Amino acid sequence: MMPFHFLILAVLVALGQVGCSGGHDHDHSHAEPHYHEPPHGGAGVTLGDEAAHIEFLVDAAAGSVTAWFFTPHMERYLRIQAETFEVLAKLPDGEARLTFRAVANAGTGETVGDTSQFVAQADGLAGVESFDAVLPEVTVRGTVYRNVAFNYPKGN
C-alpha cells in the first residue's frame, strides 16, 4: 500500500512542476496563452514569447498614462535602457502620438536611461474608456519589438 501512495504523491508533484510557477526568469513557450495580472490594474502587454511585459495605466484626471516594464510573469520591474518610447493611440477624435518619458526614482536608484517606469501626457484621453494602440518600436534586453498592437484596458 505504501508504494501506491508514493506513486500518487510523485505524480502530483510532477504535475505541479508542469504549470507556470513563475519562479524563473527566461524566455519560454507555453502550449496555450495565459494571462498575468498587471500589478497596478492597468492593461498588460506581452512582448515576444513572454520575454517581458509592459503595463499601461491611464489616469484621465491627471491627463497621463504610466507604463511599467516587467520581467516574465510580471514578477519584478525590469529596467530598460531608453529615455523615451512612443505609442500610437487610435482615439475617437483621431490618432494621438503618446511620447513616454523615463522617470527617475531616487528610492530605487532608477535613472533616465535605466528605469522601468515611463509617463506620457495624454490630455486627449479624458473620457475615453477604451482605445486600440500600437507600440511602433521598443528595445528590451537587446531585442527590438516592433508593431505591438494592444487594446486599453484589455491588453494583448
C-alpha atoms as a PDB file:
ATOM      1  CA  MET A   1       0.000   0.000   0.000  1.00  0.00           C
ATOM      2  CA  MET A   2       2.884   2.392   0.750  1.00  0.00           C
ATOM      3  CA  PRO A   3       4.342   2.345  -2.811  1.00  0.00           C
ATOM      4  CA  PHE A   4       0.908   3.283  -4.243  1.00  0.00           C
ATOM      5  CA  HIS A   5       0.709   6.419  -2.044  1.00  0.00           C
ATOM      6  CA  PHE A   6       4.256   7.323  -3.014  1.00  0.00           C
ATOM      7  CA  LEU A   7       3.301   6.981  -6.710  1.00  0.00           C
ATOM      8  CA  ILE A   8       0.309   9.303  -6.275  1.00  0.00           C
ATOM      9  CA  LEU A   9       2.475  11.856  -4.459  1.00  0.00           C
ATOM     10  CA  ALA A  10       5.126  11.680  -7.185  1.00  0.00           C
ATOM     11  CA  VAL A  11       2.503  12.243  -9.910  1.00  0.00           C
ATOM     12  CA  LEU A  12       1.049  15.258  -8.056  1.00  0.00           C
ATOM     13  CA  VAL A  13       4.496  16.801  -7.602  1.00  0.00           C
ATOM     14  CA  ALA A  14       5.292  16.247 -11.288  1.00  0.00           C
ATOM     15  CA  LEU A  15       2.010  17.848 -12.361  1.00  0.00           C
ATOM     16  CA  GLY A  16       2.737  20.826 -10.122  1.00  0.00           C
ATOM     17  CA  GLN A  17       6.034  21.355 -11.935  1.00  0.00           C
ATOM     18  CA  VAL A  18       4.308  21.491 -15.338  1.00  0.00           C
ATOM     19  CA  GLY A  19       2.375  24.682 -14.518  1.00  0.00           C
ATOM     20  CA  CYS A  20       3.600  28.226 -14.918  1.00  0.00           C
ATOM     21  CA  SER A  21       5.123  28.633 -11.473  1.00  0.00           C
ATOM     22  CA  GLY A  22       6.710  32.000 -12.197  1.00  0.00           C
ATOM     23  CA  GLY A  23       9.856  31.049 -10.331  1.00  0.00           C
ATOM     24  CA  HIS A  24      12.083  31.541 -13.343  1.00  0.00           C
ATOM     25  CA  ASP A  25      13.259  34.438 -15.436  1.00  0.00           C
ATOM     26  CA  HIS A  26      13.800  33.275 -19.015  1.00  0.00           C
ATOM     27  CA  ASP A  27      12.123  33.056 -22.386  1.00  0.00           C
ATOM     28  CA  HIS A  28       9.744  30.128 -22.616  1.00  0.00           C
ATOM     29  CA  SER A  29       6.903  28.671 -24.619  1.00  0.00           C
ATOM     30  CA  HIS A  30       3.512  27.542 -23.461  1.00  0.00           C
ATOM     31  CA  ALA A  31       1.102  25.404 -25.447  1.00  0.00           C
ATOM     32  CA  GLU A  32      -1.754  27.746 -24.556  1.00  0.00           C
ATOM     33  CA  PRO A  33      -1.601  31.507 -23.954  1.00  0.00           C
ATOM     34  CA  HIS A  34      -2.197  32.623 -20.401  1.00  0.00           C
ATOM     35  CA  TYR A  35      -2.599  35.861 -18.552  1.00  0.00           C
ATOM     36  CA  HIS A  36      -0.596  37.557 -15.827  1.00  0.00           C
ATOM     37  CA  GLU A  37      -2.410  40.137 -13.715  1.00  0.00           C
ATOM     38  CA  PRO A  38      -0.916  43.644 -14.090  1.00  0.00           C
ATOM     39  CA  PRO A  39       0.087  44.802 -10.583  1.00  0.00           C
ATOM     40  CA  HIS A  40      -1.364  48.321 -10.924  1.00  0.00           C
ATOM     41  CA  GLY A  41      -4.669  47.228 -12.502  1.00  0.00           C
ATOM     42  CA  GLY A  42      -3.803  48.536 -15.979  1.00  0.00           C
ATOM     43  CA  ALA A  43      -3.543  46.873 -19.389  1.00  0.00           C
ATOM     44  CA  GLY A  44      -0.943  44.113 -19.654  1.00  0.00           C
ATOM     45  CA  VAL A  45       1.041  43.917 -22.895  1.00  0.00           C
ATOM     46  CA  THR A  46       3.240  40.914 -23.640  1.00  0.00           C
ATOM     47  CA  LEU A  47       6.457  41.365 -25.628  1.00  0.00           C
ATOM     48  CA  GLY A  48       7.603  38.399 -27.701  1.00  0.00           C
ATOM     49  CA  ASP A  49       7.066  34.970 -26.227  1.00  0.00           C
ATOM     50  CA  GLU A  50       6.661  36.486 -22.756  1.00  0.00           C
ATOM     51  CA  ALA A  51      10.235  37.786 -22.756  1.00  0.00           C
ATOM     52  CA  ALA A  52       8.893  40.875 -20.965  1.00  0.00           C
ATOM     53  CA  HIS A  53       5.666  42.702 -20.207  1.00  0.00           C
ATOM     54  CA  ILE A  54       4.524  46.310 -20.125  1.00  0.00           C
ATOM     55  CA  GLU A  55       1.641  47.582 -18.056  1.00  0.00           C
ATOM     56  CA  PHE A  56      -0.150  50.754 -19.195  1.00  0.00           C
ATOM     57  CA  LEU A  57      -2.366  52.671 -16.760  1.00  0.00           C
ATOM     58  CA  VAL A  58      -4.391  55.724 -17.789  1.00  0.00           C
ATOM     59  CA  ASP A  59      -5.005  58.490 -15.250  1.00  0.00           C
ATOM     60  CA  ALA A  60      -7.681  60.532 -17.038  1.00  0.00           C
ATOM     61  CA  ALA A  61      -7.898  63.081 -14.198  1.00  0.00           C
ATOM     62  CA  ALA A  62      -4.160  63.823 -14.449  1.00  0.00           C
ATOM     63  CA  GLY A  63      -4.173  63.564 -18.245  1.00  0.00           C
ATOM     64  CA  SER A  64      -1.382  60.994 -18.243  1.00  0.00           C
ATOM     65  CA  VAL A  65      -0.531  57.368 -18.953  1.00  0.00           C
ATOM     66  CA  THR A  66       2.085  55.498 -16.932  1.00  0.00           C
ATOM     67  CA  ALA A  67       3.936  52.482 -18.322  1.00  0.00           C
ATOM     68  CA  TRP A  68       5.960  49.980 -16.299  1.00  0.00           C
ATOM     69  CA  PHE A  69       8.207  47.286 -17.772  1.00  0.00           C
ATOM     70  CA  PHE A  70       8.260  43.878 -16.084  1.00  0.00           C
ATOM     71  CA  THR A  71      10.173  40.618 -16.262  1.00  0.00           C
ATOM     72  CA  PRO A  72       8.350  37.490 -17.475  1.00  0.00           C
ATOM     73  CA  HIS A  73       5.248  36.693 -15.390  1.00  0.00           C
ATOM     74  CA  MET A  74       5.164  40.340 -14.205  1.00  0.00           C
ATOM     75  CA  GLU A  75       7.166  39.322 -11.131  1.00  0.00           C
ATOM     76  CA  ARG A  76       9.658  42.187 -10.961  1.00  0.00           C
ATOM     77  CA  TYR A  77      10.188  45.584 -12.506  1.00  0.00           C
ATOM     78  CA  LEU A  78      12.522  45.488 -15.499  1.00  0.00           C
ATOM     79  CA  ARG A  79      14.809  48.438 -16.176  1.00  0.00           C
ATOM     80  CA  ILE A  80      15.361  49.261 -19.819  1.00  0.00           C
ATOM     81  CA  GLN A  81      17.940  51.495 -21.432  1.00  0.00           C
ATOM     82  CA  ALA A  82      15.686  54.090 -23.005  1.00  0.00           C
ATOM     83  CA  GLU A  83      14.855  57.712 -22.410  1.00  0.00           C
ATOM     84  CA  THR A  84      11.615  57.654 -24.424  1.00  0.00           C
ATOM     85  CA  PHE A  85       9.361  55.444 -26.496  1.00  0.00           C
ATOM     86  CA  GLU A  86       6.137  56.132 -28.361  1.00  0.00           C
ATOM     87  CA  VAL A  87       2.674  54.633 -28.617  1.00  0.00           C
ATOM     88  CA  LEU A  88       0.130  55.490 -31.309  1.00  0.00           C
ATOM     89  CA  ALA A  89      -3.373  55.537 -29.813  1.00  0.00           C
ATOM     90  CA  LYS A  90      -6.479  55.395 -32.027  1.00  0.00           C
ATOM     91  CA  LEU A  91      -8.935  57.712 -30.287  1.00  0.00           C
ATOM     92  CA  PRO A  92     -12.455  58.783 -31.298  1.00  0.00           C
ATOM     93  CA  ASP A  93     -11.071  62.187 -32.380  1.00  0.00           C
ATOM     94  CA  GLY A  94      -8.224  60.647 -34.390  1.00  0.00           C
ATOM     95  CA  GLU A  95      -4.792  59.230 -33.758  1.00  0.00           C
ATOM     96  CA  ALA A  96      -2.694  60.501 -30.844  1.00  0.00           C
ATOM     97  CA  ARG A  97       1.066  60.048 -30.528  1.00  0.00           C
ATOM     98  CA  LEU A  98       1.960  59.443 -26.876  1.00  0.00           C
ATOM     99  CA  THR A  99       5.607  60.032 -26.010  1.00  0.00           C
ATOM    100  CA  PHE A 100       6.575  58.153 -22.870  1.00  0.00           C
ATOM    101  CA  ARG A 101       9.467  59.707 -20.957  1.00  0.00           C
ATOM    102  CA  ALA A 102      11.662  57.855 -18.467  1.00  0.00           C
ATOM    103  CA  VAL A 103      11.021  58.501 -14.774  1.00  0.00           C
ATOM    104  CA  ALA A 104      13.953  58.585 -12.349  1.00  0.00           C
ATOM    105  CA  ASN A 105      13.388  57.225  -8.854  1.00  0.00           C
ATOM    106  CA  ALA A 106      15.964  58.028  -6.161  1.00  0.00           C
ATOM    107  CA  GLY A 107      14.425  55.385  -3.874  1.00  0.00           C
ATOM    108  CA  THR A 108      15.139  52.534  -6.297  1.00  0.00           C
ATOM    109  CA  GLY A 109      18.213  54.044  -7.937  1.00  0.00           C
ATOM    110  CA  GLU A 110      16.481  54.150 -11.306  1.00  0.00           C
ATOM    111  CA  THR A 111      17.661  56.909 -13.631  1.00  0.00           C
ATOM    112  CA  VAL A 112      16.664  58.248 -17.020  1.00  0.00           C
ATOM    113  CA  GLY A 113      18.094  55.671 -19.415  1.00  0.00           C
ATOM    114  CA  ASP A 114      17.960  52.897 -16.765  1.00  0.00           C
ATOM    115  CA  THR A 115      14.404  52.693 -15.460  1.00  0.00           C
ATOM    116  CA  SER A 116      11.248  50.577 -15.554  1.00  0.00           C
ATOM    117  CA  GLN A 117       8.750  53.468 -15.370  1.00  0.00           C
ATOM    118  CA  PHE A 118       7.693  55.932 -18.070  1.00  0.00           C
ATOM    119  CA  VAL A 119       4.973  58.597 -18.225  1.00  0.00           C
ATOM    120  CA  ALA A 120       3.230  60.254 -21.185  1.00  0.00           C
ATOM    121  CA  GLN A 121       0.970  63.309 -21.160  1.00  0.00           C
ATOM    122  CA  ALA A 122      -2.352  62.292 -22.668  1.00  0.00           C
ATOM    123  CA  ASP A 123      -4.853  65.104 -22.275  1.00  0.00           C
ATOM    124  CA  GLY A 124      -6.905  63.705 -25.174  1.00  0.00           C
ATOM    125  CA  LEU A 125      -7.796  60.590 -23.160  1.00  0.00           C
ATOM    126  CA  ALA A 126     -10.250  62.414 -20.890  1.00  0.00           C
ATOM    127  CA  GLY A 127     -13.499  60.467 -21.010  1.00  0.00           C
ATOM    128  CA  VAL A 128     -12.041  57.716 -23.219  1.00  0.00           C
ATOM    129  CA  GLU A 129     -12.532  54.335 -21.545  1.00  0.00           C
ATOM    130  CA  SER A 130     -11.170  52.097 -24.294  1.00  0.00           C
ATOM    131  CA  PHE A 131      -8.871  52.502 -27.283  1.00  0.00           C
ATOM    132  CA  ASP A 132      -6.655  50.499 -29.599  1.00  0.00           C
ATOM    133  CA  ALA A 133      -2.964  51.303 -29.776  1.00  0.00           C
ATOM    134  CA  VAL A 134       0.298  50.263 -31.420  1.00  0.00           C
ATOM    135  CA  LEU A 135       3.773  50.379 -29.935  1.00  0.00           C
ATOM    136  CA  PRO A 136       5.858  51.022 -33.101  1.00  0.00           C
ATOM    137  CA  GLU A 137       9.201  50.003 -31.575  1.00  0.00           C
ATOM    138  CA  VAL A 138      10.886  49.387 -28.241  1.00  0.00           C
ATOM    139  CA  THR A 139      14.146  47.667 -27.307  1.00  0.00           C
ATOM    140  CA  VAL A 140      14.172  45.476 -24.209  1.00  0.00           C
ATOM    141  CA  ARG A 141      17.201  43.414 -23.166  1.00  0.00           C
ATOM    142  CA  GLY A 142      18.773  43.873 -26.593  1.00  0.00           C
ATOM    143  CA  THR A 143      15.694  42.650 -28.504  1.00  0.00           C
ATOM    144  CA  VAL A 144      13.744  45.051 -30.702  1.00  0.00           C
ATOM    145  CA  TYR A 145       9.959  44.622 -30.638  1.00  0.00           C
ATOM    146  CA  ARG A 146       8.015  46.260 -33.466  1.00  0.00           C
ATOM    147  CA  ASN A 147       4.355  46.999 -34.123  1.00  0.00           C
ATOM    148  CA  VAL A 148       2.992  45.558 -30.894  1.00  0.00           C
ATOM    149  CA  ALA A 149      -0.783  46.056 -31.034  1.00  0.00           C
ATOM    150  CA  PHE A 150      -2.936  46.169 -27.911  1.00  0.00           C
ATOM    151  CA  ASN A 151      -6.193  47.482 -26.528  1.00  0.00           C
ATOM    152  CA  TYR A 152      -6.680  49.581 -23.442  1.00  0.00           C
ATOM    153  CA  PRO A 153      -7.827  48.262 -20.982  1.00  0.00           C
ATOM    154  CA  LYS A 154      -7.742  44.665 -22.327  1.00  0.00           C
ATOM    155  CA  GLY A 155      -4.043  44.419 -23.230  1.00  0.00           C
ATOM    156  CA  ASN A 156      -2.921  41.975 -25.911  1.00  0.00           C
END
